[in-house]
Amino acid sequence: MKNERKFAAWCTLWLAVFVLLSVNMAQAQKKSKYACTEPNPESLCSAANTCGSATTPCTVQIKKDGQGATVTPSIPDAKKNKVFCVKTGTKMNFEAKSKNTGFVVDFGPSSPFDKEDSIVGGSSKPDSAVAKNAGCYKYSAGACVSGAIYGMCGTQIAEMVITK
């Protein structure tokens, strides 16, 4: 009888520890995957993920990739679809290098650029804009390949931080 009580006490203790660890892990996983929901997204910017400058344009390549699209800035070792930063006044060139590919980059109702419209272009027609409004922006990038029958278009939600 004494051994059964000890066993029950140990089981209860281990169950409590397991529940506490599970709750802590669940709360840690609830952290948003979006930079723009962070309290200070500008703190994510560094020389390693800042594209272009007031004198050098930032070129952003949009590609159709599998079921989606990819956005890659002209930064050494840039990772596709990762948040990147630009400074206000930086000219941004958006392009698609893949043949017969068109793209649309849409920032919704509040554009960070000197023009309010979406960025629209293709493999033979790049588009550009100047970063004007500082802040963190979530945007949609879509790419389509003409002539494809199945899965010809793909989209991606990405983020960009514009600093002063």
N, C-alpha and C. Protein backbone atom coordinates (compact mmCIF):
# COMPACT_ATOMS: atom_id res chain seq x y z
N MET A 1 0.82 -1.18 0.00
CA MET A 1 0.00 0.00 0.00
C MET A 1 0.87 1.25 0.00
N LYS A 2 1.96 1.21 0.78
CA LYS A 2 2.87 2.33 0.86
C LYS A 2 3.54 2.60 -0.49
N ASN A 3 3.93 1.54 -1.18
CA ASN A 3 4.56 1.67 -2.50
C ASN A 3 3.60 2.26 -3.53
N GLU A 4 2.32 1.87 -3.42
CA GLU A 4 1.33 2.41 -4.36
C GLU A 4 1.17 3.92 -4.17
N ARG A 5 1.20 4.39 -2.93
CA ARG A 5 1.08 5.82 -2.64
C ARG A 5 2.29 6.59 -3.18
N LYS A 6 3.48 6.00 -2.98
CA LYS A 6 4.68 6.63 -3.51
C LYS A 6 4.62 6.72 -5.04
N PHE A 7 4.18 5.62 -5.65
CA PHE A 7 4.06 5.61 -7.11
C PHE A 7 3.05 6.65 -7.59
N ALA A 8 1.93 6.75 -6.94
CA ALA A 8 0.90 7.73 -7.30
C ALA A 8 1.42 9.16 -7.12
N ALA A 9 2.17 9.40 -6.05
CA ALA A 9 2.74 10.73 -5.81
C ALA A 9 3.74 11.09 -6.90
N TRP A 10 4.60 10.14 -7.27
CA TRP A 10 5.57 10.40 -8.34
C TRP A 10 4.87 10.65 -9.68
N CYS A 11 3.85 9.87 -9.96
CA CYS A 11 3.10 10.07 -11.21
C CYS A 11 2.45 11.44 -11.23
N THR A 12 1.88 11.86 -10.12
CA THR A 12 1.25 13.17 -10.03
C THR A 12 2.28 14.28 -10.22
N LEU A 13 3.44 14.13 -9.60
CA LEU A 13 4.51 15.11 -9.73
C LEU A 13 4.97 15.21 -11.19
N TRP A 14 5.23 14.08 -11.85
CA TRP A 14 5.68 14.09 -13.25
C TRP A 14 4.61 14.64 -14.18
N LEU A 15 3.35 14.36 -13.88
CA LEU A 15 2.26 14.90 -14.69
C LEU A 15 2.21 16.42 -14.57
N ALA A 16 2.40 16.95 -13.37
CA ALA A 16 2.40 18.40 -13.16
C ALA A 16 3.56 19.05 -13.90
N VAL A 17 4.75 18.44 -13.84
CA VAL A 17 5.91 18.97 -14.56
C VAL A 17 5.65 18.95 -16.06
N PHE A 18 5.08 17.87 -16.56
CA PHE A 18 4.78 17.76 -17.99
C PHE A 18 3.79 18.84 -18.43
N VAL A 19 2.75 19.07 -17.65
CA VAL A 19 1.75 20.09 -17.98
C VAL A 19 2.38 21.47 -18.00
N LEU A 20 3.21 21.79 -17.00
CA LEU A 20 3.87 23.10 -16.96
C LEU A 20 4.78 23.30 -18.16
N LEU A 21 5.56 22.30 -18.52
CA LEU A 21 6.44 22.41 -19.68
C LEU A 21 5.63 22.57 -20.97
N SER A 22 4.55 21.86 -21.09
CA SER A 22 3.71 21.96 -22.29
C SER A 22 3.11 23.35 -22.44
N VAL A 23 2.64 23.93 -21.34
CA VAL A 23 2.07 25.27 -21.38
C VAL A 23 3.13 26.29 -21.77
N ASN A 24 4.33 26.19 -21.20
CA ASN A 24 5.41 27.11 -21.54
C ASN A 24 5.81 26.99 -23.00
N MET A 25 5.88 25.78 -23.53
CA MET A 25 6.25 25.58 -24.93
C MET A 25 5.17 26.13 -25.85
N ALA A 26 3.91 25.96 -25.49
CA ALA A 26 2.81 26.46 -26.31
C ALA A 26 2.84 27.99 -26.36
N GLN A 27 3.12 28.63 -25.23
CA GLN A 27 3.20 30.09 -25.21
C GLN A 27 4.38 30.59 -26.03
N ALA A 28 5.49 29.89 -26.01
CA ALA A 28 6.65 30.29 -26.79
C ALA A 28 6.37 30.16 -28.29
N GLN A 29 5.57 29.18 -28.67
CA GLN A 29 5.26 28.99 -30.08
C GLN A 29 4.22 29.97 -30.58
N LYS A 30 3.48 30.65 -29.71
CA LYS A 30 2.47 31.60 -30.12
C LYS A 30 3.07 32.90 -30.63
N LYS A 31 4.36 33.11 -30.44
CA LYS A 31 5.01 34.32 -30.91
C LYS A 31 4.82 34.43 -32.42
N SER A 32 4.48 35.60 -32.89
CA SER A 32 4.16 35.81 -34.30
C SER A 32 5.38 35.58 -35.17
N LYS A 33 5.14 35.08 -36.38
CA LYS A 33 6.22 34.89 -37.33
C LYS A 33 6.42 36.12 -38.19
N TYR A 34 5.65 37.17 -37.97
CA TYR A 34 5.74 38.38 -38.78
C TYR A 34 6.53 39.47 -38.06
N ALA A 35 7.48 40.07 -38.77
CA ALA A 35 8.30 41.13 -38.20
C ALA A 35 7.47 42.36 -37.89
N CYS A 36 6.46 42.63 -38.69
CA CYS A 36 5.66 43.85 -38.51
C CYS A 36 4.78 43.82 -37.26
N THR A 37 4.68 42.67 -36.61
CA THR A 37 3.94 42.61 -35.35
C THR A 37 4.87 42.78 -34.14
N GLU A 38 6.16 42.85 -34.39
CA GLU A 38 7.12 43.08 -33.32
C GLU A 38 6.99 44.52 -32.81
N PRO A 39 7.32 44.79 -31.54
CA PRO A 39 7.20 46.15 -31.01
C PRO A 39 8.12 47.16 -31.71
N ASN A 40 9.29 46.72 -32.15
CA ASN A 40 10.25 47.63 -32.79
C ASN A 40 10.89 46.91 -33.99
N PRO A 41 10.16 46.82 -35.11
CA PRO A 41 10.70 46.06 -36.25
C PRO A 41 11.99 46.64 -36.82
N GLU A 42 12.24 47.95 -36.61
CA GLU A 42 13.47 48.56 -37.11
C GLU A 42 14.71 47.93 -36.47
N SER A 43 14.53 47.36 -35.28
CA SER A 43 15.67 46.73 -34.60
C SER A 43 16.12 45.46 -35.33
N LEU A 44 15.31 44.95 -36.24
CA LEU A 44 15.69 43.78 -37.02
C LEU A 44 16.63 44.12 -38.16
N CYS A 45 16.79 45.42 -38.45
CA CYS A 45 17.62 45.86 -39.58
C CYS A 45 19.09 45.90 -39.20
N SER A 46 19.92 45.44 -40.11
CA SER A 46 21.37 45.48 -39.94
C SER A 46 21.99 45.68 -41.31
N ALA A 47 23.30 45.83 -41.36
CA ALA A 47 23.98 45.97 -42.65
C ALA A 47 23.79 44.71 -43.49
N ALA A 48 23.64 43.57 -42.84
CA ALA A 48 23.51 42.30 -43.57
C ALA A 48 22.17 42.14 -44.28
N ASN A 49 21.12 42.84 -43.82
CA ASN A 49 19.82 42.67 -44.48
C ASN A 49 19.25 43.99 -45.00
N THR A 50 20.11 45.01 -45.16
CA THR A 50 19.67 46.28 -45.73
C THR A 50 20.08 46.32 -47.20
N CYS A 51 19.11 46.68 -48.04
CA CYS A 51 19.30 46.65 -49.48
C CYS A 51 19.39 48.07 -50.02
N GLY A 52 20.39 48.32 -50.85
CA GLY A 52 20.54 49.61 -51.50
C GLY A 52 20.89 50.74 -50.55
N SER A 53 20.88 51.98 -51.11
CA SER A 53 21.15 53.19 -50.33
C SER A 53 20.58 54.37 -51.12
N ALA A 54 20.82 55.57 -50.65
CA ALA A 54 20.33 56.75 -51.36
C ALA A 54 20.99 56.87 -52.74
N THR A 55 22.17 56.29 -52.91
CA THR A 55 22.88 56.38 -54.19
C THR A 55 22.90 55.08 -54.99
N THR A 56 22.60 53.96 -54.36
CA THR A 56 22.59 52.66 -55.01
C THR A 56 21.19 52.05 -54.93
N PRO A 57 20.60 51.71 -56.07
CA PRO A 57 19.25 51.13 -56.00
C PRO A 57 19.24 49.73 -55.40
N CYS A 58 18.10 49.36 -54.88
CA CYS A 58 17.86 48.00 -54.38
C CYS A 58 17.07 47.27 -55.46
N THR A 59 17.59 46.18 -55.94
CA THR A 59 16.88 45.39 -56.95
C THR A 59 16.23 44.20 -56.27
N VAL A 60 14.95 44.04 -56.51
CA VAL A 60 14.18 42.95 -55.92
C VAL A 60 13.70 42.05 -57.04
N GLN A 61 14.06 40.77 -56.97
CA GLN A 61 13.68 39.82 -58.00
C GLN A 61 12.48 39.02 -57.52
N ILE A 62 11.44 38.97 -58.37
CA ILE A 62 10.24 38.21 -58.07
C ILE A 62 10.20 37.04 -59.04
N LYS A 63 9.96 35.83 -58.50
CA LYS A 63 9.94 34.62 -59.31
C LYS A 63 8.72 33.78 -58.99
N LYS A 64 8.25 33.06 -59.96
CA LYS A 64 7.25 32.02 -59.74
C LYS A 64 8.04 30.81 -59.27
N ASP A 65 7.63 30.22 -58.15
CA ASP A 65 8.40 29.12 -57.56
C ASP A 65 7.43 28.08 -57.01
N GLY A 66 7.32 26.95 -57.68
CA GLY A 66 6.40 25.91 -57.22
C GLY A 66 4.97 26.43 -57.22
N GLN A 67 4.29 26.29 -56.10
CA GLN A 67 2.92 26.77 -55.97
C GLN A 67 2.85 28.23 -55.56
N GLY A 68 3.98 28.85 -55.23
CA GLY A 68 3.99 30.23 -54.77
C GLY A 68 4.90 31.12 -55.58
N ALA A 69 5.34 32.17 -54.94
CA ALA A 69 6.26 33.12 -55.55
C ALA A 69 7.37 33.38 -54.55
N THR A 70 8.50 33.89 -55.04
CA THR A 70 9.59 34.25 -54.15
C THR A 70 10.00 35.69 -54.41
N VAL A 71 10.44 36.34 -53.35
CA VAL A 71 10.94 37.71 -53.39
C VAL A 71 12.35 37.67 -52.83
N THR A 72 13.33 38.14 -53.62
CA THR A 72 14.72 38.12 -53.17
C THR A 72 15.37 39.47 -53.47
N PRO A 73 15.81 40.20 -52.43
CA PRO A 73 16.50 41.48 -52.65
C PRO A 73 17.95 41.27 -53.04
N SER A 74 18.55 42.31 -53.64
CA SER A 74 19.96 42.22 -54.07
C SER A 74 20.90 42.48 -52.90
N ILE A 75 20.93 41.53 -52.00
CA ILE A 75 21.81 41.57 -50.83
C ILE A 75 22.65 40.29 -50.89
N PRO A 76 23.94 40.37 -50.60
CA PRO A 76 24.74 39.13 -50.57
C PRO A 76 24.14 38.12 -49.60
N ASP A 77 24.04 36.89 -50.02
CA ASP A 77 23.49 35.78 -49.22
C ASP A 77 22.04 36.01 -48.79
N ALA A 78 21.27 36.76 -49.59
CA ALA A 78 19.87 37.02 -49.26
C ALA A 78 19.07 35.73 -49.30
N LYS A 79 18.16 35.59 -48.37
CA LYS A 79 17.26 34.45 -48.34
C LYS A 79 15.93 34.89 -48.94
N LYS A 80 15.37 34.07 -49.79
CA LYS A 80 14.10 34.44 -50.41
C LYS A 80 12.98 34.50 -49.38
N ASN A 81 12.10 35.48 -49.57
CA ASN A 81 10.91 35.71 -48.75
C ASN A 81 11.21 36.08 -47.30
N LYS A 82 12.41 36.50 -47.01
CA LYS A 82 12.75 36.96 -45.66
C LYS A 82 12.64 38.47 -45.59
N VAL A 83 12.36 38.97 -44.40
CA VAL A 83 12.25 40.41 -44.21
C VAL A 83 13.59 41.08 -44.55
N PHE A 84 13.50 42.22 -45.25
CA PHE A 84 14.70 42.99 -45.54
C PHE A 84 14.39 44.45 -45.31
N CYS A 85 15.43 45.27 -45.27
CA CYS A 85 15.27 46.68 -44.94
C CYS A 85 15.82 47.56 -46.06
N VAL A 86 15.24 48.75 -46.20
CA VAL A 86 15.76 49.79 -47.09
C VAL A 86 15.61 51.11 -46.36
N LYS A 87 16.39 52.09 -46.76
CA LYS A 87 16.30 53.42 -46.16
C LYS A 87 15.41 54.29 -47.04
N THR A 88 14.73 55.26 -46.42
CA THR A 88 13.92 56.18 -47.21
C THR A 88 14.82 56.86 -48.24
N GLY A 89 14.27 57.11 -49.40
CA GLY A 89 15.02 57.71 -50.49
C GLY A 89 15.69 56.71 -51.40
N THR A 90 15.64 55.43 -51.06
CA THR A 90 16.25 54.38 -51.88
C THR A 90 15.34 54.05 -53.05
N LYS A 91 15.91 54.03 -54.25
CA LYS A 91 15.17 53.60 -55.43
C LYS A 91 15.13 52.07 -55.42
N MET A 92 13.95 51.53 -55.62
CA MET A 92 13.79 50.08 -55.66
C MET A 92 13.37 49.65 -57.05
N ASN A 93 14.13 48.74 -57.63
CA ASN A 93 13.83 48.18 -58.94
C ASN A 93 13.26 46.79 -58.74
N PHE A 94 12.07 46.55 -59.23
CA PHE A 94 11.42 45.25 -59.14
C PHE A 94 11.50 44.60 -60.52
N GLU A 95 11.91 43.32 -60.56
CA GLU A 95 12.09 42.66 -61.84
C GLU A 95 11.84 41.16 -61.74
N ALA A 96 11.56 40.58 -62.89
CA ALA A 96 11.45 39.13 -63.03
C ALA A 96 12.43 38.72 -64.12
N LYS A 97 13.40 37.92 -63.76
CA LYS A 97 14.42 37.51 -64.75
C LYS A 97 13.97 36.31 -65.56
N SER A 98 13.06 35.51 -65.03
CA SER A 98 12.60 34.33 -65.76
C SER A 98 11.76 34.74 -66.96
N LYS A 99 11.99 34.08 -68.07
CA LYS A 99 11.30 34.40 -69.32
C LYS A 99 9.78 34.22 -69.18
N ASN A 100 9.03 35.13 -69.80
CA ASN A 100 7.57 35.08 -69.83
C ASN A 100 6.92 35.12 -68.45
N THR A 101 7.53 35.83 -67.53
CA THR A 101 6.99 35.94 -66.18
C THR A 101 6.54 37.37 -65.92
N GLY A 102 5.34 37.50 -65.40
CA GLY A 102 4.82 38.80 -64.98
C GLY A 102 4.67 38.82 -63.46
N PHE A 103 4.64 40.01 -62.88
CA PHE A 103 4.50 40.10 -61.42
C PHE A 103 3.68 41.31 -61.00
N VAL A 104 3.14 41.21 -59.80
CA VAL A 104 2.45 42.31 -59.13
C VAL A 104 2.90 42.31 -57.68
N VAL A 105 3.30 43.47 -57.18
CA VAL A 105 3.63 43.63 -55.76
C VAL A 105 2.66 44.67 -55.22
N ASP A 106 1.87 44.27 -54.23
CA ASP A 106 0.81 45.14 -53.72
C ASP A 106 0.96 45.36 -52.22
N PHE A 107 1.00 46.61 -51.83
CA PHE A 107 1.14 46.98 -50.42
C PHE A 107 -0.19 47.36 -49.79
N GLY A 108 -1.28 47.18 -50.50
CA GLY A 108 -2.59 47.52 -49.96
C GLY A 108 -2.82 49.02 -49.98
N PRO A 109 -3.63 49.51 -49.04
CA PRO A 109 -4.03 50.92 -49.09
C PRO A 109 -2.94 51.93 -48.71
N SER A 110 -1.89 51.50 -48.03
CA SER A 110 -0.86 52.45 -47.62
C SER A 110 0.48 52.09 -48.26
N SER A 111 0.76 52.70 -49.39
CA SER A 111 1.99 52.42 -50.11
C SER A 111 3.17 53.13 -49.47
N PRO A 112 4.31 52.46 -49.35
CA PRO A 112 5.49 53.11 -48.79
C PRO A 112 6.28 53.88 -49.85
N PHE A 113 5.78 53.93 -51.09
CA PHE A 113 6.54 54.50 -52.19
C PHE A 113 6.02 55.86 -52.64
N ASP A 114 6.75 56.42 -53.58
CA ASP A 114 6.39 57.73 -54.13
C ASP A 114 5.19 57.64 -55.06
N LYS A 115 4.72 56.45 -55.34
CA LYS A 115 3.49 56.28 -56.13
C LYS A 115 2.54 55.36 -55.37
N GLU A 116 1.27 55.58 -55.54
CA GLU A 116 0.27 54.85 -54.76
C GLU A 116 -0.13 53.51 -55.37
N ASP A 117 0.13 53.31 -56.66
CA ASP A 117 -0.32 52.10 -57.34
C ASP A 117 0.54 50.89 -56.99
N SER A 118 0.04 49.72 -57.32
CA SER A 118 0.82 48.50 -57.17
C SER A 118 2.01 48.54 -58.11
N ILE A 119 3.03 47.79 -57.78
CA ILE A 119 4.20 47.63 -58.64
C ILE A 119 3.86 46.51 -59.61
N VAL A 120 3.86 46.80 -60.90
CA VAL A 120 3.46 45.81 -61.90
C VAL A 120 4.52 45.76 -62.99
N GLY A 121 4.95 44.56 -63.34
CA GLY A 121 5.96 44.43 -64.39
C GLY A 121 6.11 43.01 -64.85
N GLY A 122 7.20 42.76 -65.54
CA GLY A 122 7.46 41.42 -66.04
C GLY A 122 8.89 41.27 -66.49
N SER A 123 9.17 40.13 -67.11
CA SER A 123 10.54 39.83 -67.52
C SER A 123 11.06 40.83 -68.54
N SER A 124 10.18 41.42 -69.33
CA SER A 124 10.64 42.43 -70.29
C SER A 124 10.28 43.85 -69.87
N LYS A 125 9.68 44.01 -68.70
CA LYS A 125 9.28 45.34 -68.24
C LYS A 125 9.43 45.46 -66.71
N PRO A 126 10.62 45.81 -66.21
CA PRO A 126 10.77 46.01 -64.77
C PRO A 126 10.01 47.27 -64.35
N ASP A 127 9.77 47.41 -63.07
CA ASP A 127 9.10 48.59 -62.54
C ASP A 127 9.92 49.09 -61.35
N SER A 128 9.85 50.37 -61.08
CA SER A 128 10.63 50.92 -59.97
C SER A 128 9.80 51.95 -59.21
N ALA A 129 10.23 52.21 -57.98
CA ALA A 129 9.61 53.20 -57.12
C ALA A 129 10.66 53.61 -56.08
N VAL A 130 10.44 54.77 -55.45
CA VAL A 130 11.36 55.27 -54.42
C VAL A 130 10.70 55.10 -53.05
N ALA A 131 11.43 54.47 -52.11
CA ALA A 131 10.91 54.29 -50.74
C ALA A 131 10.75 55.65 -50.08
N LYS A 132 9.55 55.94 -49.63
CA LYS A 132 9.24 57.28 -49.14
C LYS A 132 8.82 57.31 -47.67
N ASN A 133 7.99 56.36 -47.27
CA ASN A 133 7.41 56.38 -45.93
C ASN A 133 8.03 55.31 -45.04
N ALA A 134 8.68 55.73 -43.96
CA ALA A 134 9.29 54.78 -43.02
C ALA A 134 8.21 53.95 -42.33
N GLY A 135 8.56 52.72 -42.03
CA GLY A 135 7.65 51.83 -41.32
C GLY A 135 7.88 50.39 -41.73
N CYS A 136 7.07 49.51 -41.17
CA CYS A 136 7.14 48.09 -41.50
C CYS A 136 5.93 47.77 -42.37
N TYR A 137 6.16 47.13 -43.49
CA TYR A 137 5.11 46.88 -44.47
C TYR A 137 5.02 45.41 -44.82
N LYS A 138 3.82 44.87 -44.71
CA LYS A 138 3.53 43.52 -45.18
C LYS A 138 2.94 43.69 -46.58
N TYR A 139 3.40 42.88 -47.52
CA TYR A 139 2.92 43.02 -48.89
C TYR A 139 2.71 41.66 -49.53
N SER A 140 1.96 41.69 -50.62
CA SER A 140 1.69 40.50 -51.40
C SER A 140 2.47 40.59 -52.70
N ALA A 141 3.18 39.53 -53.04
CA ALA A 141 3.90 39.47 -54.31
C ALA A 141 3.36 38.28 -55.09
N GLY A 142 2.95 38.54 -56.31
CA GLY A 142 2.44 37.49 -57.17
C GLY A 142 3.24 37.40 -58.45
N ALA A 143 3.44 36.20 -58.93
CA ALA A 143 4.16 35.99 -60.19
C ALA A 143 3.40 34.97 -61.02
N CYS A 144 3.31 35.24 -62.31
CA CYS A 144 2.61 34.35 -63.24
C CYS A 144 3.51 34.06 -64.44
N VAL A 145 3.43 32.84 -64.92
CA VAL A 145 4.16 32.45 -66.12
C VAL A 145 3.13 32.30 -67.23
N SER A 146 3.31 33.05 -68.30
CA SER A 146 2.35 32.96 -69.40
C SER A 146 2.51 31.64 -70.15
N GLY A 147 1.40 31.12 -70.61
CA GLY A 147 1.42 29.89 -71.38
C GLY A 147 1.33 28.63 -70.56
N ALA A 148 1.48 28.71 -69.26
CA ALA A 148 1.38 27.52 -68.42
C ALA A 148 -0.09 27.18 -68.19
N ILE A 149 -0.41 25.92 -68.08
CA ILE A 149 -1.81 25.51 -67.94
C ILE A 149 -2.17 25.35 -66.47
N TYR A 150 -1.39 24.61 -65.71
CA TYR A 150 -1.71 24.34 -64.31
C TYR A 150 -0.73 25.07 -63.40
N GLY A 151 -1.24 25.75 -62.42
CA GLY A 151 -0.39 26.42 -61.43
C GLY A 151 0.45 27.53 -62.03
N MET A 152 -0.15 28.30 -62.95
CA MET A 152 0.65 29.31 -63.63
C MET A 152 0.94 30.53 -62.79
N CYS A 153 0.18 30.75 -61.72
CA CYS A 153 0.42 31.90 -60.86
C CYS A 153 0.66 31.45 -59.42
N GLY A 154 1.43 32.23 -58.72
CA GLY A 154 1.67 31.96 -57.31
C GLY A 154 1.83 33.26 -56.57
N THR A 155 1.52 33.26 -55.28
CA THR A 155 1.66 34.46 -54.46
C THR A 155 2.45 34.16 -53.20
N GLN A 156 2.92 35.22 -52.59
CA GLN A 156 3.69 35.13 -51.35
C GLN A 156 3.43 36.37 -50.53
N ILE A 157 3.23 36.23 -49.25
CA ILE A 157 3.15 37.37 -48.33
C ILE A 157 4.56 37.56 -47.77
N ALA A 158 5.07 38.77 -47.87
CA ALA A 158 6.42 39.05 -47.38
C ALA A 158 6.40 40.39 -46.63
N GLU A 159 7.54 40.77 -46.07
CA GLU A 159 7.64 42.00 -45.29
C GLU A 159 8.90 42.77 -45.64
N MET A 160 8.79 44.07 -45.46
CA MET A 160 9.91 44.97 -45.71
C MET A 160 9.85 46.09 -44.67
N VAL A 161 11.01 46.47 -44.14
CA VAL A 161 11.10 47.58 -43.19
C VAL A 161 11.80 48.74 -43.88
N ILE A 162 11.17 49.90 -43.85
CA ILE A 162 11.79 51.11 -44.40
C ILE A 162 12.18 51.99 -43.22
N THR A 163 13.47 52.29 -43.14
CA THR A 163 13.99 53.09 -42.03
C THR A 163 14.33 54.51 -42.50
N LYS A 164 14.44 55.41 -41.56
CA LYS A 164 14.79 56.80 -41.90
C LYS A 164 16.27 56.95 -42.12
